[in-house]
């Protein structure tokens, strides 16, 4: 038996807060729309999500992950190492150092919750997304990202 899930990622203290929900399919537009209703501790809201598919055979007690999507980010600003180095902000020295040490060319700075900078992988998608309280408000649409 296979089951699909969406896992929402929100800023946390050391690691992301996560909320997972069963879904019928990997549908980014529906998942982005549903993100409007997610609230974590201290009012944090999701900055992104990913999909997984879990399966269990008849002789297994628990399911196992058999597939995982890339991360879909709910808006945000893409910044390159060159952008960050050009600012020469002393408060960003750890970020610059981490980017150099890990070989990260780009990071995503979220714009919809508590600030967080995350490495941007080539397959990740940044959605054109605006937080809004109304369930009838316009939904997210994928945005082409120049990588």
C-alpha atoms as a PDB file:
ATOM      1  CA  UNK A   1       0.000   0.000   0.000  1.00  0.00           C
ATOM      2  CA  UNK A   2       1.377   3.426  -1.019  1.00  0.00           C
ATOM      3  CA  UNK A   3       0.448   6.739   0.626  1.00  0.00           C
ATOM      4  CA  UNK A   4       1.512  10.249  -0.383  1.00  0.00           C
ATOM      5  CA  UNK A   5       2.348  12.979   2.128  1.00  0.00           C
ATOM      6  CA  UNK A   6       3.241  16.659   2.099  1.00  0.00           C
ATOM      7  CA  UNK A   7       5.579  17.877   4.838  1.00  0.00           C
ATOM      8  CA  UNK A   8       5.592  21.592   5.599  1.00  0.00           C
ATOM      9  CA  UNK A   9       8.776  23.231   6.892  1.00  0.00           C
ATOM     10  CA  UNK A  10       8.630  26.199   9.277  1.00  0.00           C
ATOM     11  CA  UNK A  11      11.434  28.028  11.098  1.00  0.00           C
ATOM     12  CA  UNK A  12      12.455  26.278  14.310  1.00  0.00           C
ATOM     13  CA  UNK A  13      15.065  26.772  16.996  1.00  0.00           C
ATOM     14  CA  UNK A  14      17.735  24.361  15.717  1.00  0.00           C
ATOM     15  CA  UNK A  15      15.835  22.420  13.076  1.00  0.00           C
ATOM     16  CA  UNK A  16      12.687  23.100  11.087  1.00  0.00           C
ATOM     17  CA  UNK A  17       9.308  22.578  12.676  1.00  0.00           C
ATOM     18  CA  UNK A  18       7.393  20.107  10.500  1.00  0.00           C
ATOM     19  CA  UNK A  19       3.769  19.301   9.885  1.00  0.00           C
ATOM     20  CA  UNK A  20       2.913  16.333   7.645  1.00  0.00           C
ATOM     21  CA  UNK A  21      -0.421  15.569   6.060  1.00  0.00           C
ATOM     22  CA  UNK A  22      -1.650  12.750   3.844  1.00  0.00           C
ATOM     23  CA  UNK A  23      -2.501  13.871   0.295  1.00  0.00           C
ATOM     24  CA  UNK A  24      -3.977  12.157  -2.754  1.00  0.00           C
ATOM     25  CA  UNK A  25      -1.163  13.228  -5.087  1.00  0.00           C
ATOM     26  CA  UNK A  26       1.969  15.346  -5.320  1.00  0.00           C
ATOM     27  CA  UNK A  27       0.192  18.571  -6.268  1.00  0.00           C
ATOM     28  CA  UNK A  28       2.328  21.664  -5.557  1.00  0.00           C
ATOM     29  CA  UNK A  29      -0.487  24.171  -6.171  1.00  0.00           C
ATOM     30  CA  UNK A  30      -2.824  22.437  -3.707  1.00  0.00           C
ATOM     31  CA  UNK A  31      -0.037  22.036  -1.133  1.00  0.00           C
ATOM     32  CA  UNK A  32       0.888  25.719  -1.418  1.00  0.00           C
ATOM     33  CA  UNK A  33      -2.740  26.702  -0.943  1.00  0.00           C
ATOM     34  CA  UNK A  34      -3.069  24.487   2.124  1.00  0.00           C
ATOM     35  CA  UNK A  35       0.045  26.112   3.651  1.00  0.00           C
ATOM     36  CA  UNK A  36      -2.105  29.120   4.514  1.00  0.00           C
ATOM     37  CA  UNK A  37      -3.640  27.124   7.366  1.00  0.00           C
ATOM     38  CA  UNK A  38      -0.401  25.897   8.979  1.00  0.00           C
ATOM     39  CA  UNK A  39       0.800  27.563  12.188  1.00  0.00           C
ATOM     40  CA  UNK A  40       3.671  26.248  14.300  1.00  0.00           C
ATOM     41  CA  UNK A  41       5.002  27.245  17.700  1.00  0.00           C
ATOM     42  CA  UNK A  42       5.421  30.980  18.288  1.00  0.00           C
ATOM     43  CA  UNK A  43       3.288  31.728  15.225  1.00  0.00           C
ATOM     44  CA  UNK A  44       5.833  30.465  12.689  1.00  0.00           C
ATOM     45  CA  UNK A  45       4.391  29.737   9.257  1.00  0.00           C
ATOM     46  CA  UNK A  46       5.807  27.449   6.552  1.00  0.00           C
ATOM     47  CA  UNK A  47       8.619  28.599   4.317  1.00  0.00           C
ATOM     48  CA  UNK A  48       8.429  25.475   2.174  1.00  0.00           C
ATOM     49  CA  UNK A  49       7.346  21.887   1.754  1.00  0.00           C
ATOM     50  CA  UNK A  50       8.255  18.600   0.112  1.00  0.00           C
ATOM     51  CA  UNK A  51       6.386  15.465  -0.842  1.00  0.00           C
ATOM     52  CA  UNK A  52       7.063  11.877   0.115  1.00  0.00           C
ATOM     53  CA  UNK A  53       5.529   8.563  -0.793  1.00  0.00           C
ATOM     54  CA  UNK A  54       5.592   5.817   1.810  1.00  0.00           C
ATOM     55  CA  UNK A  55       4.865   2.144   1.260  1.00  0.00           C
ATOM     56  CA  UNK A  56       4.387  -0.933   3.393  1.00  0.00           C
ATOM     57  CA  UNK A  57       4.354  -4.553   2.353  1.00  0.00           C
ATOM     58  CA  UNK A  58       1.963  -7.014   3.979  1.00  0.00           C
ATOM     59  CA  UNK A  59       4.778  -8.486   6.091  1.00  0.00           C
ATOM     60  CA  UNK A  60       6.095  -5.093   7.300  1.00  0.00           C
ATOM     61  CA  UNK A  61       4.917  -3.409  10.500  1.00  0.00           C
ATOM     62  CA  UNK A  62       5.753   0.143   9.467  1.00  0.00           C
ATOM     63  CA  UNK A  63       5.917   2.038   6.210  1.00  0.00           C
ATOM     64  CA  UNK A  64       9.137   3.209   4.592  1.00  0.00           C
ATOM     65  CA  UNK A  65       9.840   6.189   2.400  1.00  0.00           C
ATOM     66  CA  UNK A  66      10.147   5.127  -1.226  1.00  0.00           C
ATOM     67  CA  UNK A  67      10.212   8.547  -2.907  1.00  0.00           C
ATOM     68  CA  UNK A  68      10.887  12.189  -1.955  1.00  0.00           C
ATOM     69  CA  UNK A  69      10.494  15.360  -3.998  1.00  0.00           C
ATOM     70  CA  UNK A  70      12.754  18.369  -4.063  1.00  0.00           C
ATOM     71  CA  UNK A  71      11.802  21.303  -1.843  1.00  0.00           C
ATOM     72  CA  UNK A  72       9.184  23.822  -2.893  1.00  0.00           C
ATOM     73  CA  UNK A  73       9.811  27.191  -1.247  1.00  0.00           C
ATOM     74  CA  UNK A  74       6.874  29.486  -0.539  1.00  0.00           C
ATOM     75  CA  UNK A  75       8.324  32.697  -1.917  1.00  0.00           C
ATOM     76  CA  UNK A  76      11.614  34.123  -0.807  1.00  0.00           C
ATOM     77  CA  UNK A  77      14.609  35.907  -2.224  1.00  0.00           C
ATOM     78  CA  UNK A  78      17.449  34.069  -3.931  1.00  0.00           C
ATOM     79  CA  UNK A  79      20.863  35.456  -3.024  1.00  0.00           C
ATOM     80  CA  UNK A  80      24.224  34.399  -4.418  1.00  0.00           C
ATOM     81  CA  UNK A  81      27.473  34.236  -2.493  1.00  0.00           C
ATOM     82  CA  UNK A  82      28.654  37.175  -4.610  1.00  0.00           C
ATOM     83  CA  UNK A  83      25.593  39.224  -3.536  1.00  0.00           C
ATOM     84  CA  UNK A  84      26.256  38.501   0.121  1.00  0.00           C
ATOM     85  CA  UNK A  85      30.004  39.137  -0.144  1.00  0.00           C
ATOM     86  CA  UNK A  86      29.361  42.471  -1.899  1.00  0.00           C
ATOM     87  CA  UNK A  87      27.319  43.703   1.078  1.00  0.00           C
ATOM     88  CA  UNK A  88      30.273  42.973   3.387  1.00  0.00           C
ATOM     89  CA  UNK A  89      27.897  42.960   6.363  1.00  0.00           C
ATOM     90  CA  UNK A  90      29.824  41.768   9.446  1.00  0.00           C
ATOM     91  CA  UNK A  91      26.602  40.113  10.707  1.00  0.00           C
ATOM     92  CA  UNK A  92      26.715  37.794   7.662  1.00  0.00           C
ATOM     93  CA  UNK A  93      30.271  36.497   8.152  1.00  0.00           C
ATOM     94  CA  UNK A  94      29.044  33.116   9.421  1.00  0.00           C
ATOM     95  CA  UNK A  95      26.686  32.818   6.437  1.00  0.00           C
ATOM     96  CA  UNK A  96      29.514  33.653   3.998  1.00  0.00           C
ATOM     97  CA  UNK A  97      31.820  31.191   5.722  1.00  0.00           C
ATOM     98  CA  UNK A  98      29.196  28.423   5.693  1.00  0.00           C
ATOM     99  CA  UNK A  99      28.451  29.031   2.014  1.00  0.00           C
ATOM    100  CA  UNK A 100      32.141  28.832   1.075  1.00  0.00           C
ATOM    101  CA  UNK A 101      32.821  25.775   3.242  1.00  0.00           C
ATOM    102  CA  UNK A 102      29.802  23.860   1.904  1.00  0.00           C
ATOM    103  CA  UNK A 103      30.116  24.933  -1.725  1.00  0.00           C
ATOM    104  CA  UNK A 104      26.728  26.687  -1.745  1.00  0.00           C
ATOM    105  CA  UNK A 105      26.456  29.162  -4.625  1.00  0.00           C
ATOM    106  CA  UNK A 106      22.956  30.326  -3.705  1.00  0.00           C
ATOM    107  CA  UNK A 107      20.746  30.554  -0.667  1.00  0.00           C
ATOM    108  CA  UNK A 108      17.089  31.322  -0.274  1.00  0.00           C
ATOM    109  CA  UNK A 109      16.081  33.946   2.270  1.00  0.00           C
ATOM    110  CA  UNK A 110      12.432  33.428   3.143  1.00  0.00           C
ATOM    111  CA  UNK A 111      10.134  36.432   3.139  1.00  0.00           C
ATOM    112  CA  UNK A 112       6.989  34.999   4.698  1.00  0.00           C
ATOM    113  CA  UNK A 113       7.833  33.967   8.274  1.00  0.00           C
ATOM    114  CA  UNK A 114      10.712  34.298  10.710  1.00  0.00           C
ATOM    115  CA  UNK A 115      13.887  34.913   8.704  1.00  0.00           C
ATOM    116  CA  UNK A 116      15.843  31.847   7.683  1.00  0.00           C
ATOM    117  CA  UNK A 117      18.590  31.346   5.056  1.00  0.00           C
ATOM    118  CA  UNK A 118      18.650  27.950   3.378  1.00  0.00           C
ATOM    119  CA  UNK A 119      20.892  26.364   0.752  1.00  0.00           C
ATOM    120  CA  UNK A 120      19.144  26.317  -2.627  1.00  0.00           C
ATOM    121  CA  UNK A 121      19.588  23.068  -4.519  1.00  0.00           C
ATOM    122  CA  UNK A 122      19.391  22.938  -8.326  1.00  0.00           C
ATOM    123  CA  UNK A 123      16.078  21.011  -8.342  1.00  0.00           C
ATOM    124  CA  UNK A 124      14.349  23.204  -5.737  1.00  0.00           C
ATOM    125  CA  UNK A 125      11.433  25.368  -6.845  1.00  0.00           C
ATOM    126  CA  UNK A 126      10.694  28.863  -5.546  1.00  0.00           C
ATOM    127  CA  UNK A 127       6.977  29.553  -5.824  1.00  0.00           C
ATOM    128  CA  UNK A 128       5.500  33.002  -6.345  1.00  0.00           C
ATOM    129  CA  UNK A 129       3.527  32.905  -3.108  1.00  0.00           C
ATOM    130  CA  UNK A 130       2.027  35.510  -0.821  1.00  0.00           C
ATOM    131  CA  UNK A 131       0.734  34.600   2.618  1.00  0.00           C
ATOM    132  CA  UNK A 132      -2.933  35.441   2.915  1.00  0.00           C
ATOM    133  CA  UNK A 133      -5.583  34.518   5.464  1.00  0.00           C
ATOM    134  CA  UNK A 134      -8.439  34.010   3.004  1.00  0.00           C
ATOM    135  CA  UNK A 135      -8.973  30.521   1.564  1.00  0.00           C
ATOM    136  CA  UNK A 136     -10.467  32.208  -1.536  1.00  0.00           C
ATOM    137  CA  UNK A 137      -7.292  34.225  -2.230  1.00  0.00           C
ATOM    138  CA  UNK A 138      -5.158  33.509  -5.316  1.00  0.00           C
ATOM    139  CA  UNK A 139      -2.978  30.437  -5.092  1.00  0.00           C
ATOM    140  CA  UNK A 140       0.714  29.906  -5.816  1.00  0.00           C
ATOM    141  CA  UNK A 141       2.099  29.547  -9.312  1.00  0.00           C
ATOM    142  CA  UNK A 142       5.573  28.102 -10.025  1.00  0.00           C
ATOM    143  CA  UNK A 143       8.180  30.700 -10.920  1.00  0.00           C
ATOM    144  CA  UNK A 144      11.093  29.939 -13.208  1.00  0.00           C
ATOM    145  CA  UNK A 145      14.297  30.441 -11.283  1.00  0.00           C
ATOM    146  CA  UNK A 146      17.489  31.359 -13.114  1.00  0.00           C
ATOM    147  CA  UNK A 147      20.040  28.904 -11.807  1.00  0.00           C
END
